[in-house]
Amino acid sequence: MCGKSFAGGWDLPDRSRGGITIRPAREEDIPYLTDIYNYEIEHSTVIFDIHPKTPEDRMAWLGAHNRDNHPLIAAVADGRAVGYASLSPYRLLEAYHDTVELSLYVDRAYRRRGIARMLMQAILADARERRDIHTVISVITSDNEASIYLHEQFGFVCCGRMREVGRKFGKLLDIVNYQLMV
């Protein structure tokens, strides 16, 4: 091992299983999605952000995702968003238009229920249906074994390790880059 509601036609169907619904993220999901992200900022090395985000920050993030090739989906259970997956621009240069970066997070209280797998299935199904996505990239902290395992189960391959590129909690961290051609 390498160690928003979108008005205007975004047609990703809602998918449900075992009390979990996967659907496009909506404004009312933002407080929950912000909490999920901030928990990871404050308690883990799975994200290299170090400053918690506000709901206003995350509203701008929601608005940056669109019905073109940058969807944001939420897993909903018990009347609230409990996880999300997004495809974001890989880099802001035009030649990278067909490449997207995948992010996926699940609330710690809802892990080990298959939600990450459901989110991954849905976001990759959406990516495969589009003509403007060719490559999905994930940048994963090298010690995030659960994320690496999930990505490998979906056919992602490791295409490189970058040593000591991030510092969090006083520790230098490696990342691994995973890629899937869709």
N, C-alpha and C. Protein backbone atom coordinates (compact mmCIF):
# COMPACT_ATOMS: atom_id res chain seq x y z
N MET A 1 0.84 -1.18 0.00
CA MET A 1 0.00 0.00 0.00
C MET A 1 0.88 1.24 0.00
N CYS A 2 0.58 2.15 -0.83
CA CYS A 2 1.31 3.41 -0.90
C CYS A 2 0.97 4.25 0.32
N GLY A 3 0.50 3.62 1.00
CA GLY A 3 0.17 4.18 2.28
C GLY A 3 -0.48 5.56 2.45
N LYS A 4 -25.69 22.41 -1.82
CA LYS A 4 -26.66 23.50 -2.03
C LYS A 4 -27.81 22.88 -2.74
N SER A 5 -28.83 23.05 -2.50
CA SER A 5 -29.86 22.65 -3.45
C SER A 5 -29.53 23.34 -4.75
N PHE A 6 -29.52 22.63 -5.79
CA PHE A 6 -29.16 23.21 -7.06
C PHE A 6 -30.41 23.39 -7.89
N ALA A 7 -30.94 24.60 -7.88
CA ALA A 7 -32.08 24.89 -8.71
C ALA A 7 -31.60 24.91 -10.15
N GLY A 8 -32.48 24.60 -11.03
CA GLY A 8 -32.11 24.72 -12.43
C GLY A 8 -31.63 23.43 -13.04
N GLY A 9 -31.85 22.31 -12.38
CA GLY A 9 -31.69 21.09 -13.13
C GLY A 9 -30.63 20.10 -12.72
N TRP A 10 -29.99 20.21 -11.59
CA TRP A 10 -29.06 19.15 -11.22
C TRP A 10 -29.88 17.93 -10.92
N ASP A 11 -29.69 16.86 -11.65
CA ASP A 11 -30.61 15.75 -11.59
C ASP A 11 -30.07 14.51 -10.89
N LEU A 12 -29.12 14.67 -9.97
CA LEU A 12 -28.67 13.54 -9.19
C LEU A 12 -29.86 13.04 -8.37
N PRO A 13 -30.26 11.78 -8.58
CA PRO A 13 -31.42 11.29 -7.83
C PRO A 13 -31.07 11.04 -6.37
N ASP A 14 -32.08 11.18 -5.51
CA ASP A 14 -31.91 10.77 -4.12
C ASP A 14 -31.75 9.26 -4.11
N ARG A 15 -30.86 8.78 -3.27
CA ARG A 15 -30.67 7.34 -3.10
C ARG A 15 -30.84 7.03 -1.63
N SER A 16 -31.58 5.99 -1.30
CA SER A 16 -31.83 5.65 0.10
C SER A 16 -31.52 4.18 0.36
N ARG A 17 -31.03 3.93 1.58
CA ARG A 17 -30.80 2.55 2.03
C ARG A 17 -30.63 2.58 3.54
N GLY A 18 -31.32 1.71 4.22
CA GLY A 18 -31.15 1.56 5.66
C GLY A 18 -31.34 2.83 6.46
N GLY A 19 -32.30 3.66 6.06
CA GLY A 19 -32.53 4.90 6.80
C GLY A 19 -31.60 6.03 6.44
N ILE A 20 -30.72 5.81 5.47
CA ILE A 20 -29.78 6.84 5.00
C ILE A 20 -30.20 7.27 3.60
N THR A 21 -30.30 8.57 3.39
CA THR A 21 -30.60 9.11 2.06
C THR A 21 -29.39 9.88 1.57
N ILE A 22 -29.00 9.64 0.33
CA ILE A 22 -27.93 10.41 -0.32
C ILE A 22 -28.60 11.32 -1.33
N ARG A 23 -28.33 12.61 -1.22
CA ARG A 23 -28.96 13.60 -2.10
C ARG A 23 -28.06 14.81 -2.23
N PRO A 24 -28.36 15.70 -3.20
CA PRO A 24 -27.57 16.93 -3.28
C PRO A 24 -27.65 17.70 -1.96
N ALA A 25 -26.52 18.27 -1.56
CA ALA A 25 -26.48 19.07 -0.33
C ALA A 25 -27.34 20.32 -0.49
N ARG A 26 -27.89 20.76 0.63
CA ARG A 26 -28.78 21.93 0.66
C ARG A 26 -28.29 22.92 1.71
N GLU A 27 -28.81 24.12 1.62
CA GLU A 27 -28.44 25.16 2.58
C GLU A 27 -28.69 24.72 4.01
N GLU A 28 -29.79 24.02 4.25
CA GLU A 28 -30.10 23.61 5.63
C GLU A 28 -29.12 22.57 6.17
N ASP A 29 -28.30 21.97 5.31
CA ASP A 29 -27.28 21.01 5.74
C ASP A 29 -26.03 21.70 6.28
N ILE A 30 -25.84 22.95 5.96
CA ILE A 30 -24.58 23.63 6.26
C ILE A 30 -24.18 23.58 7.73
N PRO A 31 -25.06 23.82 8.70
CA PRO A 31 -24.60 23.72 10.09
C PRO A 31 -24.01 22.34 10.42
N TYR A 32 -24.63 21.29 9.93
CA TYR A 32 -24.15 19.93 10.19
C TYR A 32 -22.84 19.65 9.47
N LEU A 33 -22.77 20.06 8.20
CA LEU A 33 -21.54 19.83 7.43
C LEU A 33 -20.38 20.63 8.01
N THR A 34 -20.67 21.82 8.52
CA THR A 34 -19.65 22.64 9.17
C THR A 34 -19.14 21.93 10.43
N ASP A 35 -20.05 21.39 11.22
CA ASP A 35 -19.64 20.67 12.43
C ASP A 35 -18.77 19.46 12.10
N ILE A 36 -19.15 18.71 11.08
CA ILE A 36 -18.37 17.53 10.67
C ILE A 36 -16.96 17.95 10.29
N TYR A 37 -16.86 18.98 9.46
CA TYR A 37 -15.55 19.45 8.99
C TYR A 37 -14.72 20.01 10.14
N ASN A 38 -15.34 20.81 11.00
CA ASN A 38 -14.61 21.41 12.11
C ASN A 38 -14.10 20.36 13.09
N TYR A 39 -14.86 19.32 13.30
CA TYR A 39 -14.37 18.25 14.18
C TYR A 39 -13.06 17.69 13.64
N GLU A 40 -13.00 17.45 12.34
CA GLU A 40 -11.78 16.91 11.74
C GLU A 40 -10.63 17.91 11.82
N ILE A 41 -10.92 19.19 11.65
CA ILE A 41 -9.88 20.22 11.79
C ILE A 41 -9.30 20.18 13.20
N GLU A 42 -10.17 20.12 14.19
CA GLU A 42 -9.74 20.25 15.58
C GLU A 42 -9.17 18.97 16.20
N HIS A 43 -9.53 17.81 15.65
CA HIS A 43 -9.18 16.55 16.32
C HIS A 43 -8.42 15.53 15.49
N SER A 44 -8.18 15.81 14.22
CA SER A 44 -7.55 14.78 13.41
C SER A 44 -6.56 15.39 12.41
N THR A 45 -5.86 14.51 11.77
CA THR A 45 -4.93 14.93 10.71
C THR A 45 -5.47 14.57 9.33
N VAL A 46 -6.74 14.22 9.21
CA VAL A 46 -7.28 13.85 7.90
C VAL A 46 -7.49 15.06 6.99
N ILE A 47 -7.49 16.24 7.58
CA ILE A 47 -7.56 17.47 6.78
C ILE A 47 -6.47 18.39 7.30
N PHE A 48 -5.83 19.10 6.39
CA PHE A 48 -4.73 19.95 6.79
C PHE A 48 -5.17 21.37 7.12
N ASP A 49 -6.46 21.67 7.03
CA ASP A 49 -6.95 22.94 7.55
C ASP A 49 -6.65 22.98 9.05
N ILE A 50 -6.35 24.16 9.56
CA ILE A 50 -6.08 24.27 10.99
C ILE A 50 -7.00 25.25 11.70
N HIS A 51 -7.75 26.04 10.95
CA HIS A 51 -8.67 27.01 11.55
C HIS A 51 -10.11 26.59 11.27
N PRO A 52 -10.93 26.46 12.31
CA PRO A 52 -12.34 26.08 12.11
C PRO A 52 -13.03 27.05 11.16
N LYS A 53 -14.02 26.52 10.45
CA LYS A 53 -14.81 27.30 9.50
C LYS A 53 -16.11 27.73 10.13
N THR A 54 -16.66 28.82 9.64
CA THR A 54 -17.97 29.29 10.08
C THR A 54 -19.02 28.79 9.09
N PRO A 55 -20.28 28.78 9.50
CA PRO A 55 -21.32 28.44 8.53
C PRO A 55 -21.31 29.36 7.31
N GLU A 56 -20.92 30.62 7.51
CA GLU A 56 -20.83 31.54 6.37
C GLU A 56 -19.73 31.10 5.40
N ASP A 57 -18.59 30.65 5.94
CA ASP A 57 -17.53 30.11 5.09
C ASP A 57 -18.05 28.94 4.27
N ARG A 58 -18.79 28.07 4.93
CA ARG A 58 -19.27 26.86 4.27
C ARG A 58 -20.40 27.16 3.30
N MET A 59 -21.13 28.25 3.49
CA MET A 59 -22.14 28.65 2.50
C MET A 59 -21.44 29.04 1.20
N ALA A 60 -20.32 29.75 1.31
CA ALA A 60 -19.55 30.09 0.11
C ALA A 60 -19.03 28.82 -0.56
N TRP A 61 -18.58 27.85 0.24
CA TRP A 61 -18.13 26.56 -0.28
C TRP A 61 -19.26 25.85 -1.01
N LEU A 62 -20.45 25.83 -0.41
CA LEU A 62 -21.62 25.24 -1.06
C LEU A 62 -21.89 25.92 -2.39
N GLY A 63 -21.83 27.25 -2.39
CA GLY A 63 -22.07 28.00 -3.61
C GLY A 63 -21.04 27.76 -4.70
N ALA A 64 -19.84 27.35 -4.32
CA ALA A 64 -18.78 27.08 -5.30
C ALA A 64 -19.00 25.74 -6.00
N HIS A 65 -19.83 24.89 -5.41
CA HIS A 65 -20.16 23.62 -6.05
C HIS A 65 -21.38 23.85 -6.92
N ASN A 66 -21.39 23.20 -8.05
CA ASN A 66 -22.41 23.52 -9.03
C ASN A 66 -22.89 22.28 -9.75
N ARG A 67 -23.81 22.48 -10.63
CA ARG A 67 -24.36 21.34 -11.37
C ARG A 67 -23.51 20.97 -12.57
N ASP A 68 -22.41 21.67 -12.80
CA ASP A 68 -21.54 21.30 -13.90
C ASP A 68 -20.76 20.06 -13.49
N ASN A 69 -19.49 20.19 -13.13
CA ASN A 69 -18.75 18.99 -12.73
C ASN A 69 -18.19 19.08 -11.32
N HIS A 70 -18.86 19.83 -10.45
CA HIS A 70 -18.41 19.95 -9.07
C HIS A 70 -19.58 19.77 -8.10
N PRO A 71 -20.15 18.56 -8.05
CA PRO A 71 -21.28 18.32 -7.16
C PRO A 71 -20.86 18.21 -5.70
N LEU A 72 -21.83 18.45 -4.82
CA LEU A 72 -21.68 18.27 -3.38
C LEU A 72 -22.92 17.52 -2.93
N ILE A 73 -22.72 16.33 -2.37
CA ILE A 73 -23.84 15.51 -1.94
C ILE A 73 -23.77 15.28 -0.44
N ALA A 74 -24.92 15.02 0.16
CA ALA A 74 -25.00 14.80 1.60
C ALA A 74 -25.65 13.46 1.88
N ALA A 75 -25.21 12.84 2.96
CA ALA A 75 -25.88 11.67 3.52
C ALA A 75 -26.75 12.18 4.65
N VAL A 76 -28.02 11.82 4.64
CA VAL A 76 -28.97 12.31 5.63
C VAL A 76 -29.53 11.13 6.41
N ALA A 77 -29.51 11.25 7.73
CA ALA A 77 -30.09 10.26 8.63
C ALA A 77 -30.64 10.99 9.84
N ASP A 78 -31.67 10.46 10.41
CA ASP A 78 -32.24 11.05 11.64
C ASP A 78 -32.55 12.53 11.47
N GLY A 79 -32.95 12.91 10.27
CA GLY A 79 -33.36 14.29 10.01
C GLY A 79 -32.24 15.29 9.85
N ARG A 80 -30.99 14.82 9.67
CA ARG A 80 -29.88 15.78 9.51
C ARG A 80 -28.79 15.18 8.65
N ALA A 81 -27.95 16.05 8.10
CA ALA A 81 -26.81 15.62 7.31
C ALA A 81 -25.77 15.00 8.24
N VAL A 82 -25.32 13.79 7.88
CA VAL A 82 -24.35 13.08 8.71
C VAL A 82 -23.06 12.77 7.95
N GLY A 83 -22.97 13.24 6.73
CA GLY A 83 -21.76 13.05 5.94
C GLY A 83 -21.92 13.74 4.61
N TYR A 84 -20.80 13.85 3.90
CA TYR A 84 -20.87 14.46 2.58
C TYR A 84 -19.69 14.02 1.72
N ALA A 85 -19.89 14.18 0.43
CA ALA A 85 -18.82 13.98 -0.55
C ALA A 85 -18.93 15.10 -1.56
N SER A 86 -17.78 15.54 -2.05
CA SER A 86 -17.78 16.60 -3.05
C SER A 86 -16.70 16.34 -4.09
N LEU A 87 -16.95 16.88 -5.27
CA LEU A 87 -15.94 16.94 -6.31
C LEU A 87 -15.65 18.42 -6.53
N SER A 88 -14.40 18.79 -6.35
CA SER A 88 -13.99 20.19 -6.45
C SER A 88 -12.95 20.34 -7.53
N PRO A 89 -12.73 21.57 -8.00
CA PRO A 89 -11.65 21.75 -8.97
C PRO A 89 -10.33 21.24 -8.41
N TYR A 90 -9.59 20.51 -9.22
CA TYR A 90 -8.29 20.00 -8.77
C TYR A 90 -7.29 21.14 -8.65
N ARG A 91 -7.22 21.93 -9.64
CA ARG A 91 -6.39 23.14 -9.64
C ARG A 91 -7.17 24.19 -10.43
N LEU A 92 -6.81 25.42 -10.25
CA LEU A 92 -7.56 26.49 -10.90
C LEU A 92 -7.00 26.90 -12.25
N LEU A 93 -6.35 25.97 -12.92
CA LEU A 93 -5.86 26.21 -14.27
C LEU A 93 -6.77 25.49 -15.25
N GLU A 94 -7.08 26.13 -16.38
CA GLU A 94 -8.07 25.60 -17.31
C GLU A 94 -7.75 24.21 -17.83
N ALA A 95 -6.50 23.86 -17.98
CA ALA A 95 -6.15 22.55 -18.50
C ALA A 95 -6.56 21.42 -17.56
N TYR A 96 -6.83 21.73 -16.30
CA TYR A 96 -7.26 20.73 -15.33
C TYR A 96 -8.78 20.58 -15.25
N HIS A 97 -9.52 21.19 -16.16
CA HIS A 97 -10.98 21.20 -16.08
C HIS A 97 -11.58 19.81 -15.93
N ASP A 98 -11.02 18.80 -16.58
CA ASP A 98 -11.57 17.45 -16.56
C ASP A 98 -11.11 16.63 -15.35
N THR A 99 -10.33 17.23 -14.47
CA THR A 99 -9.84 16.56 -13.27
C THR A 99 -10.47 17.21 -12.06
N VAL A 100 -10.97 16.38 -11.15
CA VAL A 100 -11.62 16.87 -9.94
C VAL A 100 -10.97 16.21 -8.72
N GLU A 101 -11.10 16.89 -7.58
CA GLU A 101 -10.58 16.34 -6.33
C GLU A 101 -11.75 15.93 -5.45
N LEU A 102 -11.72 14.72 -4.98
CA LEU A 102 -12.76 14.15 -4.14
C LEU A 102 -12.48 14.41 -2.67
N SER A 103 -13.50 14.83 -1.94
CA SER A 103 -13.45 14.93 -0.48
C SER A 103 -14.65 14.17 0.05
N LEU A 104 -14.46 13.46 1.17
CA LEU A 104 -15.54 12.67 1.74
C LEU A 104 -15.34 12.61 3.25
N TYR A 105 -16.39 12.97 4.00
CA TYR A 105 -16.34 12.97 5.46
C TYR A 105 -17.65 12.45 6.02
N VAL A 106 -17.56 11.72 7.12
CA VAL A 106 -18.74 11.21 7.81
C VAL A 106 -18.63 11.58 9.29
N ASP A 107 -19.75 12.05 9.85
CA ASP A 107 -19.81 12.38 11.27
C ASP A 107 -19.33 11.18 12.09
N ARG A 108 -18.51 11.44 13.07
CA ARG A 108 -17.91 10.35 13.86
C ARG A 108 -18.95 9.45 14.51
N ALA A 109 -20.14 9.97 14.85
CA ALA A 109 -21.18 9.16 15.47
C ALA A 109 -21.89 8.24 14.47
N TYR A 110 -21.63 8.43 13.18
CA TYR A 110 -22.32 7.64 12.15
C TYR A 110 -21.36 6.77 11.34
N ARG A 111 -20.14 6.65 11.79
CA ARG A 111 -19.18 5.83 11.06
C ARG A 111 -19.47 4.35 11.27
N ARG A 112 -18.92 3.54 10.39
CA ARG A 112 -19.06 2.07 10.43
C ARG A 112 -20.50 1.61 10.17
N ARG A 113 -21.22 2.42 9.36
CA ARG A 113 -22.59 2.06 8.97
C ARG A 113 -22.72 1.97 7.45
N GLY A 114 -21.60 2.07 6.74
CA GLY A 114 -21.65 2.01 5.29
C GLY A 114 -21.93 3.33 4.61
N ILE A 115 -21.95 4.42 5.38
CA ILE A 115 -22.27 5.73 4.80
C ILE A 115 -21.17 6.20 3.86
N ALA A 116 -19.92 6.03 4.24
CA ALA A 116 -18.82 6.44 3.35
C ALA A 116 -18.90 5.69 2.03
N ARG A 117 -19.21 4.41 2.09
CA ARG A 117 -19.35 3.60 0.87
C ARG A 117 -20.50 4.11 0.01
N MET A 118 -21.64 4.44 0.66
CA MET A 118 -22.78 4.97 -0.09
C MET A 118 -22.44 6.31 -0.76
N LEU A 119 -21.75 7.18 -0.02
CA LEU A 119 -21.35 8.46 -0.58
C LEU A 119 -20.39 8.26 -1.75
N MET A 120 -19.43 7.36 -1.59
CA MET A 120 -18.46 7.10 -2.65
C MET A 120 -19.17 6.56 -3.89
N GLN A 121 -20.08 5.61 -3.71
CA GLN A 121 -20.82 5.06 -4.84
C GLN A 121 -21.57 6.15 -5.58
N ALA A 122 -22.25 7.01 -4.83
CA ALA A 122 -23.07 8.05 -5.45
C ALA A 122 -22.23 9.10 -6.17
N ILE A 123 -21.16 9.56 -5.54
CA ILE A 123 -20.37 10.62 -6.16
C ILE A 123 -19.64 10.09 -7.39
N LEU A 124 -19.17 8.84 -7.34
CA LEU A 124 -18.49 8.26 -8.51
C LEU A 124 -19.48 7.94 -9.63
N ALA A 125 -20.69 7.51 -9.28
CA ALA A 125 -21.72 7.28 -10.31
C ALA A 125 -22.00 8.59 -11.03
N ASP A 126 -22.10 9.68 -10.27
CA ASP A 126 -22.33 10.98 -10.88
C ASP A 126 -21.16 11.37 -11.79
N ALA A 127 -19.94 11.15 -11.31
CA ALA A 127 -18.77 11.50 -12.12
C ALA A 127 -18.73 10.71 -13.41
N ARG A 128 -19.09 9.44 -13.35
CA ARG A 128 -19.05 8.58 -14.55
C ARG A 128 -20.11 8.98 -15.58
N GLU A 129 -21.21 9.56 -15.13
CA GLU A 129 -22.28 9.96 -16.04
C GLU A 129 -21.96 11.25 -16.78
N ARG A 130 -20.98 11.96 -16.35
CA ARG A 130 -20.64 13.25 -16.95
C ARG A 130 -19.62 13.07 -18.06
N ARG A 131 -19.67 13.95 -19.01
CA ARG A 131 -18.68 13.91 -20.10
C ARG A 131 -17.48 14.80 -19.82
N ASP A 132 -17.58 15.61 -18.76
CA ASP A 132 -16.52 16.58 -18.51
C ASP A 132 -15.65 16.21 -17.32
N ILE A 133 -15.73 14.97 -16.86
CA ILE A 133 -14.82 14.49 -15.82
C ILE A 133 -14.08 13.28 -16.37
N HIS A 134 -12.78 13.34 -16.32
CA HIS A 134 -11.95 12.23 -16.78
C HIS A 134 -11.20 11.56 -15.63
N THR A 135 -10.75 12.37 -14.68
CA THR A 135 -9.93 11.86 -13.59
C THR A 135 -10.42 12.40 -12.25
N VAL A 136 -10.49 11.50 -11.27
CA VAL A 136 -10.82 11.89 -9.89
C VAL A 136 -9.57 11.65 -9.05
N ILE A 137 -9.17 12.67 -8.32
CA ILE A 137 -7.97 12.62 -7.47
C ILE A 137 -8.41 12.73 -6.02
N SER A 138 -7.75 11.97 -5.15
CA SER A 138 -7.92 12.15 -3.71
C SER A 138 -6.54 12.31 -3.09
N VAL A 139 -6.41 13.31 -2.25
CA VAL A 139 -5.17 13.54 -1.52
C VAL A 139 -5.45 13.12 -0.08
N ILE A 140 -4.74 12.09 0.39
CA ILE A 140 -5.06 11.45 1.66
C ILE A 140 -3.84 11.49 2.57
N THR A 141 -4.03 11.84 3.83
CA THR A 141 -2.95 11.73 4.80
C THR A 141 -2.52 10.27 4.85
N SER A 142 -1.22 10.02 4.79
CA SER A 142 -0.73 8.65 4.60
C SER A 142 -1.11 7.69 5.72
N ASP A 143 -1.42 8.18 6.90
CA ASP A 143 -1.81 7.27 7.98
C ASP A 143 -3.33 7.08 8.09
N ASN A 144 -4.09 7.61 7.15
CA ASN A 144 -5.55 7.46 7.15
C ASN A 144 -5.91 6.15 6.46
N GLU A 145 -5.70 5.06 7.17
CA GLU A 145 -5.87 3.73 6.60
C GLU A 145 -7.30 3.46 6.14
N ALA A 146 -8.29 3.97 6.86
CA ALA A 146 -9.68 3.73 6.47
C ALA A 146 -9.99 4.37 5.12
N SER A 147 -9.51 5.58 4.91
CA SER A 147 -9.75 6.26 3.63
C SER A 147 -8.99 5.58 2.50
N ILE A 148 -7.77 5.19 2.76
CA ILE A 148 -6.99 4.48 1.74
C ILE A 148 -7.69 3.19 1.35
N TYR A 149 -8.13 2.43 2.33
CA TYR A 149 -8.83 1.18 2.07
C TYR A 149 -10.09 1.42 1.24
N LEU A 150 -10.91 2.43 1.62
CA LEU A 150 -12.13 2.73 0.87
C LEU A 150 -11.80 3.07 -0.58
N HIS A 151 -10.83 3.93 -0.78
CA HIS A 151 -10.46 4.31 -2.14
C HIS A 151 -10.00 3.10 -2.96
N GLU A 152 -9.19 2.26 -2.38
CA GLU A 152 -8.71 1.08 -3.10
C GLU A 152 -9.86 0.14 -3.44
N GLN A 153 -10.86 0.05 -2.57
CA GLN A 153 -12.02 -0.80 -2.84
C GLN A 153 -12.80 -0.31 -4.06
N PHE A 154 -12.71 0.97 -4.36
CA PHE A 154 -13.40 1.55 -5.51
C PHE A 154 -12.50 1.68 -6.75
N GLY A 155 -11.32 1.09 -6.70
CA GLY A 155 -10.46 1.07 -7.87
C GLY A 155 -9.46 2.20 -7.98
N PHE A 156 -9.39 3.07 -6.99
CA PHE A 156 -8.37 4.12 -7.02
C PHE A 156 -7.00 3.46 -6.88
N VAL A 157 -6.01 4.05 -7.53
CA VAL A 157 -4.64 3.56 -7.41
C VAL A 157 -3.76 4.68 -6.87
N CYS A 158 -2.79 4.27 -6.08
CA CYS A 158 -1.84 5.22 -5.53
C CYS A 158 -0.91 5.66 -6.65
N CYS A 159 -0.76 6.95 -6.80
CA CYS A 159 0.12 7.46 -7.85
C CYS A 159 1.20 8.37 -7.27
N GLY A 160 1.47 8.21 -5.98
CA GLY A 160 2.60 8.94 -5.41
C GLY A 160 2.42 9.32 -3.96
N ARG A 161 3.53 9.44 -3.31
CA ARG A 161 3.59 9.86 -1.90
C ARG A 161 4.46 11.11 -1.84
N MET A 162 3.99 12.08 -1.10
CA MET A 162 4.77 13.29 -0.87
C MET A 162 5.09 13.32 0.62
N ARG A 163 6.35 13.36 0.94
CA ARG A 163 6.81 13.26 2.32
C ARG A 163 6.83 14.61 3.02
N GLU A 164 6.29 14.59 4.24
CA GLU A 164 6.36 15.72 5.16
C GLU A 164 5.94 17.05 4.54
N VAL A 165 4.78 17.05 3.89
CA VAL A 165 4.31 18.27 3.23
C VAL A 165 3.34 19.08 4.07
N GLY A 166 2.84 18.50 5.14
CA GLY A 166 1.91 19.22 6.01
C GLY A 166 2.34 19.11 7.46
N ARG A 167 2.03 20.14 8.23
CA ARG A 167 2.35 20.11 9.66
C ARG A 167 1.06 20.37 10.42
N LYS A 168 0.74 19.42 11.31
CA LYS A 168 -0.45 19.58 12.13
C LYS A 168 -0.18 18.95 13.49
N PHE A 169 -0.62 19.62 14.52
CA PHE A 169 -0.40 19.18 15.89
C PHE A 169 1.08 18.94 16.15
N GLY A 170 1.93 19.79 15.54
CA GLY A 170 3.38 19.71 15.74
C GLY A 170 4.07 18.56 15.04
N LYS A 171 3.37 17.89 14.15
CA LYS A 171 3.92 16.71 13.49
C LYS A 171 3.94 16.94 11.96
N LEU A 172 5.05 16.59 11.32
CA LEU A 172 5.12 16.64 9.86
C LEU A 172 4.45 15.40 9.30
N LEU A 173 3.61 15.60 8.29
CA LEU A 173 2.79 14.52 7.76
C LEU A 173 3.00 14.31 6.27
N ASP A 174 2.93 13.05 5.86
CA ASP A 174 2.99 12.67 4.46
C ASP A 174 1.57 12.62 3.90
N ILE A 175 1.48 12.77 2.59
CA ILE A 175 0.22 12.53 1.88
C ILE A 175 0.46 11.52 0.79
N VAL A 176 -0.61 10.82 0.44
CA VAL A 176 -0.58 9.94 -0.72
C VAL A 176 -1.65 10.43 -1.68
N ASN A 177 -1.34 10.35 -2.95
CA ASN A 177 -2.27 10.78 -3.99
C ASN A 177 -2.88 9.54 -4.63
N TYR A 178 -4.20 9.51 -4.68
CA TYR A 178 -4.92 8.40 -5.29
C TYR A 178 -5.68 8.93 -6.49
N GLN A 179 -5.79 8.10 -7.53
CA GLN A 179 -6.38 8.52 -8.79
C GLN A 179 -7.29 7.43 -9.33
N LEU A 180 -8.41 7.87 -9.92
CA LEU A 180 -9.32 6.97 -10.59
C LEU A 180 -9.72 7.62 -11.91
N MET A 181 -9.55 6.87 -12.99
CA MET A 181 -9.98 7.36 -14.29
C MET A 181 -11.44 6.93 -14.47
N VAL A 182 -12.32 7.88 -14.74
CA VAL A 182 -13.74 7.55 -14.91
C VAL A 182 -14.14 7.69 -16.36
